[in-house]
Amino acid sequence: MELALKIILVIASLGLIAAVLLQPGKSAGLSGAISGGAEHLFGKQKARGLELFLNRLTMGLAVVFFLLTLIVAYFVKTV
């Protein structure tokens, strides 16, 4: 049981790393700050669906990672 949970934890952590790295940067220096303000004012339309999906995927994987970490720590401590 403990080994299976550890394997799932490793898979979840790799998925979380991939989801974070796939997300686009929020700004790129001064030019990003200027265009970021314009995007905030007028709204950013391009690739919004993908960004929303990646944000939700990251949050979901973070919750799974956190819960699995607590469960594995409990099993390791009790054994």
Protein backbone atom coordinates (compact mmCIF):
# COMPACT_ATOMS: atom_id res chain seq x y z
CA MET A 1 0.00 0.00 0.00
CA GLU A 2 2.78 2.39 0.98
CA LEU A 3 4.73 1.67 -2.21
CA ALA A 4 1.69 2.30 -4.39
CA LEU A 5 1.04 5.63 -2.66
CA LYS A 6 4.66 6.65 -3.12
CA ILE A 7 4.51 5.84 -6.83
CA ILE A 8 1.30 7.87 -7.21
CA LEU A 9 2.97 10.71 -5.27
CA VAL A 10 5.93 10.73 -7.67
CA ILE A 11 3.59 10.77 -10.67
CA ALA A 12 1.56 13.62 -9.14
CA SER A 13 4.71 15.61 -8.40
CA LEU A 14 5.99 15.19 -11.97
CA GLY A 15 2.59 16.25 -13.28
CA LEU A 16 2.62 19.30 -11.02
CA ILE A 17 6.09 20.28 -12.21
CA ALA A 18 5.02 19.91 -15.84
CA ALA A 19 1.83 21.94 -15.30
CA VAL A 20 3.75 24.78 -13.66
CA LEU A 21 6.40 24.85 -16.38
CA LEU A 22 3.79 24.89 -19.16
CA GLN A 23 2.15 28.04 -17.83
CA PRO A 24 3.12 31.25 -19.64
CA GLY A 25 4.94 34.02 -17.79
CA LYS A 26 2.86 36.92 -16.52
CA SER A 27 5.22 39.67 -17.63
CA ALA A 28 8.56 40.21 -19.33
CA GLY A 29 10.22 43.21 -17.73
CA LEU A 30 9.11 46.77 -18.43
CA SER A 31 7.42 45.96 -21.74
CA GLY A 32 5.42 43.21 -20.04
CA ALA A 33 4.37 45.60 -17.30
CA ILE A 34 3.09 48.11 -19.84
CA SER A 35 1.31 45.56 -22.00
CA GLY A 36 0.12 43.75 -18.89
CA GLY A 37 -1.71 46.88 -17.81
CA ALA A 38 -3.35 47.16 -21.22
CA GLU A 39 -4.34 43.49 -21.10
CA HIS A 40 -5.83 44.02 -17.69
CA LEU A 41 -7.79 47.06 -18.89
CA PHE A 42 -9.02 45.65 -22.20
CA GLY A 43 -8.93 41.96 -21.38
CA LYS A 44 -6.68 39.30 -22.80
CA GLN A 45 -8.42 37.09 -25.34
CA LYS A 46 -5.74 34.86 -26.85
CA ALA A 47 -5.27 31.39 -25.35
CA ARG A 48 -7.49 32.14 -22.36
CA GLY A 49 -8.97 28.65 -22.42
CA LEU A 50 -5.56 26.99 -22.23
CA GLU A 51 -4.41 29.26 -19.41
CA LEU A 52 -7.59 28.59 -17.46
CA PHE A 53 -7.16 24.85 -17.96
CA LEU A 54 -3.53 24.96 -16.83
CA ASN A 55 -4.45 27.03 -13.76
CA ARG A 56 -7.15 24.56 -12.74
CA LEU A 57 -4.90 21.59 -13.48
CA THR A 58 -2.14 23.09 -11.34
CA MET A 59 -4.50 23.71 -8.44
CA GLY A 60 -5.92 20.20 -8.67
CA LEU A 61 -2.50 18.57 -8.83
CA ALA A 62 -1.31 20.71 -5.91
CA VAL A 63 -4.22 19.52 -3.77
CA VAL A 64 -3.59 15.89 -4.76
CA PHE A 65 0.13 16.28 -4.04
CA PHE A 66 -0.52 17.84 -0.63
CA LEU A 67 -3.03 15.17 0.41
CA LEU A 68 -0.85 12.31 -0.82
CA THR A 69 2.12 13.75 1.04
CA LEU A 70 0.14 13.81 4.28
CA ILE A 71 -1.16 10.26 3.72
CA VAL A 72 2.30 8.87 2.91
CA ALA A 73 3.79 10.65 5.94
CA TYR A 74 1.09 9.12 8.14
CA PHE A 75 1.77 5.62 6.83
CA VAL A 76 5.53 6.00 7.21
CA LYS A 77 5.15 7.27 10.77
CA THR A 78 2.78 4.47 11.87
CA VAL A 79 4.85 1.64 10.36
